[in-house]
Amino acid sequence: MQKIVNVRIDERLIHGQVAALWKGTLNATRIMVIDNEAVKNDLQKKLLKMACPTGTKLSILSTEKASENLSAEKYGDDRIFIIVKGPETILDLWKKAAGWNR
C-alpha cells in the first residue's frame, strides 16, 4: 500500500506555502500533482518543476495515470503528498481506483 501522507486541494498547486511548510511538516519525499490539464501544458509543467522543493521527487499526472501508478505501488517507500486543483479530481481518482466507471 502506498503511503499517502496528505491530500491538498489548492487551485495554485505548488507554491511557497506548499514548498516551505507542508512538504517539510509532512516529511514528504514525493509531491504528486494530479491534474488532467497540467499534464498537457509544457509551460505549467516547467513552472511546477521549478516550484518543487530541492530533493523532492515530483510527478505530474492525469487521474488515469495516477490511479494506475498508485494501484501498482510504483513509488515504493515514498511519502506521497497529493495536490489537486479541485475535489472533482479526488472523486475521479477514487472512482478509477475502485473500478467505478459511471
N, C-alpha and C. Protein backbone atom coordinates (compact mmCIF):
# COMPACT_ATOMS: atom_id res chain seq x y z
N MET A 1 0.84 -1.19 0.00
CA MET A 1 0.00 0.00 0.00
C MET A 1 0.88 1.25 0.00
N GLN A 2 0.60 2.16 -0.91
CA GLN A 2 1.37 3.40 -0.99
C GLN A 2 1.09 4.27 0.23
N LYS A 3 2.12 4.99 0.68
CA LYS A 3 1.98 5.84 1.85
C LYS A 3 1.65 7.26 1.40
N ILE A 4 0.37 7.60 1.43
CA ILE A 4 -0.08 8.96 1.10
C ILE A 4 -0.18 9.72 2.42
N VAL A 5 0.64 10.76 2.57
CA VAL A 5 0.69 11.48 3.84
C VAL A 5 -0.30 12.65 3.91
N ASN A 6 -0.76 13.12 2.75
CA ASN A 6 -1.74 14.21 2.75
C ASN A 6 -2.29 14.40 1.33
N VAL A 7 -3.50 14.90 1.28
CA VAL A 7 -4.11 15.30 0.02
C VAL A 7 -4.55 16.74 0.21
N ARG A 8 -4.11 17.61 -0.67
CA ARG A 8 -4.43 19.04 -0.58
C ARG A 8 -5.16 19.48 -1.85
N ILE A 9 -6.24 20.21 -1.65
CA ILE A 9 -6.95 20.84 -2.75
C ILE A 9 -6.53 22.30 -2.78
N ASP A 10 -5.88 22.68 -3.87
CA ASP A 10 -5.35 24.05 -3.97
C ASP A 10 -5.24 24.42 -5.45
N GLU A 11 -6.00 25.38 -5.86
CA GLU A 11 -6.03 25.84 -7.25
C GLU A 11 -4.63 26.20 -7.77
N ARG A 12 -3.75 26.62 -6.86
CA ARG A 12 -2.40 27.05 -7.26
C ARG A 12 -1.40 25.91 -7.40
N LEU A 13 -1.79 24.71 -6.97
CA LEU A 13 -0.94 23.52 -6.98
C LEU A 13 0.30 23.76 -6.12
N ILE A 14 1.49 23.86 -6.70
CA ILE A 14 2.70 24.07 -5.89
C ILE A 14 3.02 25.55 -5.82
N HIS A 15 3.22 26.04 -4.61
CA HIS A 15 3.60 27.44 -4.38
C HIS A 15 4.40 27.50 -3.08
N GLY A 16 4.75 28.66 -2.63
CA GLY A 16 5.62 28.83 -1.46
C GLY A 16 5.17 28.10 -0.21
N GLN A 17 3.89 28.19 0.12
CA GLN A 17 3.38 27.54 1.33
C GLN A 17 3.54 26.02 1.23
N VAL A 18 3.24 25.48 0.08
CA VAL A 18 3.39 24.04 -0.13
C VAL A 18 4.87 23.66 -0.03
N ALA A 19 5.71 24.41 -0.73
CA ALA A 19 7.13 24.10 -0.78
C ALA A 19 7.81 24.26 0.58
N ALA A 20 7.50 25.33 1.29
CA ALA A 20 8.21 25.63 2.53
C ALA A 20 7.60 24.97 3.76
N LEU A 21 6.29 24.95 3.85
CA LEU A 21 5.64 24.49 5.07
C LEU A 21 5.16 23.04 5.00
N TRP A 22 4.26 22.77 4.07
CA TRP A 22 3.62 21.46 4.03
C TRP A 22 4.61 20.33 3.73
N LYS A 23 5.46 20.51 2.77
CA LYS A 23 6.40 19.45 2.39
C LYS A 23 7.24 19.06 3.59
N GLY A 24 7.76 20.03 4.31
CA GLY A 24 8.61 19.75 5.47
C GLY A 24 7.84 19.18 6.64
N THR A 25 6.68 19.74 6.93
CA THR A 25 5.86 19.27 8.04
C THR A 25 5.46 17.81 7.85
N LEU A 26 5.14 17.45 6.63
CA LEU A 26 4.69 16.09 6.32
C LEU A 26 5.85 15.12 6.08
N ASN A 27 7.05 15.66 5.95
CA ASN A 27 8.22 14.85 5.61
C ASN A 27 7.97 14.07 4.31
N ALA A 28 7.33 14.73 3.37
CA ALA A 28 7.01 14.11 2.08
C ALA A 28 8.28 13.96 1.25
N THR A 29 8.39 12.84 0.56
CA THR A 29 9.52 12.62 -0.34
C THR A 29 9.11 12.78 -1.80
N ARG A 30 7.80 12.77 -2.05
CA ARG A 30 7.28 12.94 -3.42
C ARG A 30 6.04 13.81 -3.38
N ILE A 31 5.99 14.80 -4.26
CA ILE A 31 4.78 15.58 -4.47
C ILE A 31 4.15 15.05 -5.76
N MET A 32 2.89 14.70 -5.68
CA MET A 32 2.17 14.19 -6.84
C MET A 32 1.08 15.20 -7.20
N VAL A 33 1.27 15.90 -8.29
CA VAL A 33 0.27 16.82 -8.81
C VAL A 33 -0.60 16.01 -9.77
N ILE A 34 -1.89 15.94 -9.46
CA ILE A 34 -2.82 15.20 -10.31
C ILE A 34 -3.75 16.23 -10.95
N ASP A 35 -3.57 16.43 -12.25
CA ASP A 35 -4.35 17.43 -12.96
C ASP A 35 -4.33 17.11 -14.45
N ASN A 36 -5.49 16.84 -15.00
CA ASN A 36 -5.58 16.44 -16.41
C ASN A 36 -5.19 17.55 -17.38
N GLU A 37 -5.24 18.80 -16.97
CA GLU A 37 -4.83 19.90 -17.83
C GLU A 37 -3.33 20.19 -17.70
N ALA A 38 -2.81 20.18 -16.49
CA ALA A 38 -1.39 20.48 -16.28
C ALA A 38 -0.49 19.48 -17.00
N VAL A 39 -0.92 18.24 -17.05
CA VAL A 39 -0.11 17.20 -17.69
C VAL A 39 0.07 17.46 -19.19
N LYS A 40 -0.83 18.24 -19.79
CA LYS A 40 -0.75 18.56 -21.23
C LYS A 40 -0.06 19.90 -21.51
N ASN A 41 0.29 20.65 -20.46
CA ASN A 41 0.79 22.01 -20.62
C ASN A 41 2.28 22.06 -20.26
N ASP A 42 3.15 22.14 -21.27
CA ASP A 42 4.59 22.11 -21.03
C ASP A 42 5.07 23.27 -20.16
N LEU A 43 4.51 24.46 -20.36
CA LEU A 43 4.92 25.60 -19.55
C LEU A 43 4.54 25.38 -18.09
N GLN A 44 3.35 24.93 -17.83
CA GLN A 44 2.92 24.70 -16.46
C GLN A 44 3.77 23.61 -15.80
N LYS A 45 4.12 22.57 -16.56
CA LYS A 45 4.97 21.51 -16.00
C LYS A 45 6.35 22.07 -15.62
N LYS A 46 6.91 22.94 -16.46
CA LYS A 46 8.21 23.55 -16.15
C LYS A 46 8.11 24.40 -14.87
N LEU A 47 7.02 25.17 -14.75
CA LEU A 47 6.84 26.00 -13.56
C LEU A 47 6.67 25.15 -12.30
N LEU A 48 5.94 24.07 -12.40
CA LEU A 48 5.76 23.17 -11.25
C LEU A 48 7.10 22.55 -10.84
N LYS A 49 7.92 22.18 -11.82
CA LYS A 49 9.24 21.62 -11.53
C LYS A 49 10.12 22.64 -10.82
N MET A 50 10.03 23.90 -11.25
CA MET A 50 10.82 24.96 -10.61
C MET A 50 10.34 25.22 -9.19
N ALA A 51 9.05 25.09 -8.94
CA ALA A 51 8.48 25.37 -7.61
C ALA A 51 8.66 24.21 -6.64
N CYS A 52 8.95 23.04 -7.14
CA CYS A 52 9.10 21.85 -6.29
C CYS A 52 10.37 21.99 -5.45
N PRO A 53 10.28 21.71 -4.15
CA PRO A 53 11.46 21.83 -3.29
C PRO A 53 12.61 20.93 -3.75
N THR A 54 13.81 21.40 -3.61
CA THR A 54 15.00 20.64 -3.96
C THR A 54 15.02 19.32 -3.18
N GLY A 55 15.35 18.26 -3.87
CA GLY A 55 15.44 16.95 -3.23
C GLY A 55 14.12 16.21 -3.11
N THR A 56 13.05 16.82 -3.60
CA THR A 56 11.74 16.19 -3.56
C THR A 56 11.39 15.69 -4.95
N LYS A 57 10.93 14.46 -5.03
CA LYS A 57 10.51 13.92 -6.31
C LYS A 57 9.17 14.53 -6.69
N LEU A 58 8.95 14.68 -7.99
CA LEU A 58 7.71 15.29 -8.48
C LEU A 58 7.11 14.43 -9.57
N SER A 59 5.82 14.18 -9.44
CA SER A 59 5.07 13.50 -10.50
C SER A 59 3.92 14.42 -10.90
N ILE A 60 3.76 14.66 -12.19
CA ILE A 60 2.65 15.45 -12.72
C ILE A 60 1.87 14.50 -13.61
N LEU A 61 0.68 14.12 -13.14
CA LEU A 61 -0.04 13.02 -13.77
C LEU A 61 -1.51 13.32 -14.00
N SER A 62 -2.07 12.63 -14.98
CA SER A 62 -3.53 12.64 -15.17
C SER A 62 -4.13 11.73 -14.09
N THR A 63 -5.43 11.82 -13.89
CA THR A 63 -6.07 10.95 -12.90
C THR A 63 -5.91 9.48 -13.30
N GLU A 64 -6.00 9.21 -14.59
CA GLU A 64 -5.86 7.83 -15.07
C GLU A 64 -4.48 7.27 -14.72
N LYS A 65 -3.42 8.02 -15.04
CA LYS A 65 -2.06 7.55 -14.79
C LYS A 65 -1.77 7.48 -13.29
N ALA A 66 -2.26 8.45 -12.53
CA ALA A 66 -2.06 8.43 -11.08
C ALA A 66 -2.69 7.19 -10.47
N SER A 67 -3.91 6.87 -10.90
CA SER A 67 -4.59 5.69 -10.41
C SER A 67 -3.80 4.42 -10.74
N GLU A 68 -3.31 4.33 -11.97
CA GLU A 68 -2.51 3.17 -12.39
C GLU A 68 -1.25 3.05 -11.53
N ASN A 69 -0.53 4.15 -11.37
CA ASN A 69 0.74 4.13 -10.63
C ASN A 69 0.53 3.80 -9.16
N LEU A 70 -0.49 4.38 -8.54
CA LEU A 70 -0.76 4.10 -7.14
C LEU A 70 -1.20 2.66 -6.95
N SER A 71 -2.05 2.16 -7.83
CA SER A 71 -2.50 0.76 -7.74
C SER A 71 -1.35 -0.21 -7.92
N ALA A 72 -0.40 0.14 -8.76
CA ALA A 72 0.77 -0.71 -9.00
C ALA A 72 1.85 -0.52 -7.93
N GLU A 73 1.61 0.38 -6.99
CA GLU A 73 2.57 0.69 -5.92
C GLU A 73 3.94 1.05 -6.49
N LYS A 74 3.90 1.90 -7.51
CA LYS A 74 5.10 2.30 -8.25
C LYS A 74 6.11 3.08 -7.40
N TYR A 75 5.65 3.73 -6.34
CA TYR A 75 6.51 4.68 -5.64
C TYR A 75 7.20 4.12 -4.39
N GLY A 76 7.19 2.82 -4.21
CA GLY A 76 7.94 2.19 -3.13
C GLY A 76 7.65 2.79 -1.77
N ASP A 77 8.72 3.23 -1.11
CA ASP A 77 8.61 3.77 0.25
C ASP A 77 8.41 5.28 0.29
N ASP A 78 8.17 5.90 -0.85
CA ASP A 78 7.97 7.36 -0.86
C ASP A 78 6.78 7.75 0.02
N ARG A 79 6.92 8.90 0.66
CA ARG A 79 5.82 9.52 1.41
C ARG A 79 5.20 10.53 0.45
N ILE A 80 4.01 10.24 -0.01
CA ILE A 80 3.40 10.97 -1.12
C ILE A 80 2.45 12.05 -0.63
N PHE A 81 2.66 13.25 -1.11
CA PHE A 81 1.80 14.41 -0.86
C PHE A 81 1.08 14.70 -2.17
N ILE A 82 -0.22 14.43 -2.21
CA ILE A 82 -1.02 14.64 -3.41
C ILE A 82 -1.62 16.04 -3.41
N ILE A 83 -1.50 16.73 -4.55
CA ILE A 83 -2.09 18.06 -4.69
C ILE A 83 -2.95 18.07 -5.95
N VAL A 84 -4.17 18.56 -5.80
CA VAL A 84 -5.12 18.67 -6.91
C VAL A 84 -5.74 20.06 -6.89
N LYS A 85 -6.30 20.48 -8.01
CA LYS A 85 -6.95 21.79 -8.08
C LYS A 85 -8.34 21.80 -7.46
N GLY A 86 -9.06 20.69 -7.55
CA GLY A 86 -10.43 20.68 -7.05
C GLY A 86 -10.87 19.30 -6.59
N PRO A 87 -11.96 19.23 -5.85
CA PRO A 87 -12.44 17.96 -5.31
C PRO A 87 -12.87 16.96 -6.38
N GLU A 88 -13.25 17.45 -7.55
CA GLU A 88 -13.67 16.53 -8.61
C GLU A 88 -12.54 15.61 -9.05
N THR A 89 -11.30 16.07 -8.93
CA THR A 89 -10.15 15.24 -9.28
C THR A 89 -10.00 14.08 -8.29
N ILE A 90 -10.21 14.37 -7.02
CA ILE A 90 -10.14 13.31 -6.00
C ILE A 90 -11.25 12.30 -6.23
N LEU A 91 -12.44 12.77 -6.53
CA LEU A 91 -13.56 11.87 -6.80
C LEU A 91 -13.26 11.00 -8.02
N ASP A 92 -12.72 11.60 -9.08
CA ASP A 92 -12.36 10.85 -10.29
C ASP A 92 -11.29 9.81 -9.97
N LEU A 93 -10.30 10.18 -9.20
CA LEU A 93 -9.23 9.25 -8.81
C LEU A 93 -9.80 8.08 -8.01
N TRP A 94 -10.69 8.38 -7.08
CA TRP A 94 -11.31 7.34 -6.26
C TRP A 94 -12.14 6.39 -7.13
N LYS A 95 -12.91 6.95 -8.05
CA LYS A 95 -13.73 6.12 -8.94
C LYS A 95 -12.85 5.18 -9.78
N LYS A 96 -11.74 5.70 -10.29
CA LYS A 96 -10.86 4.88 -11.11
C LYS A 96 -10.22 3.77 -10.26
N ALA A 97 -9.80 4.12 -9.06
CA ALA A 97 -9.19 3.13 -8.17
C ALA A 97 -10.18 2.05 -7.76
N ALA A 98 -11.44 2.44 -7.60
CA ALA A 98 -12.48 1.49 -7.18
C ALA A 98 -13.08 0.73 -8.36
N GLY A 99 -12.69 1.12 -9.58
CA GLY A 99 -13.23 0.47 -10.77
C GLY A 99 -14.68 0.86 -11.06
N TRP A 100 -15.07 2.02 -10.56
CA TRP A 100 -16.44 2.51 -10.74
C TRP A 100 -16.47 3.43 -11.95
N ASN A 101 -17.03 3.01 -13.03
CA ASN A 101 -16.99 3.77 -14.29
C ASN A 101 -18.32 4.38 -14.68
N ARG A 102 -19.03 4.92 -13.74
CA ARG A 102 -20.33 5.58 -14.05
C ARG A 102 -20.15 7.05 -14.24
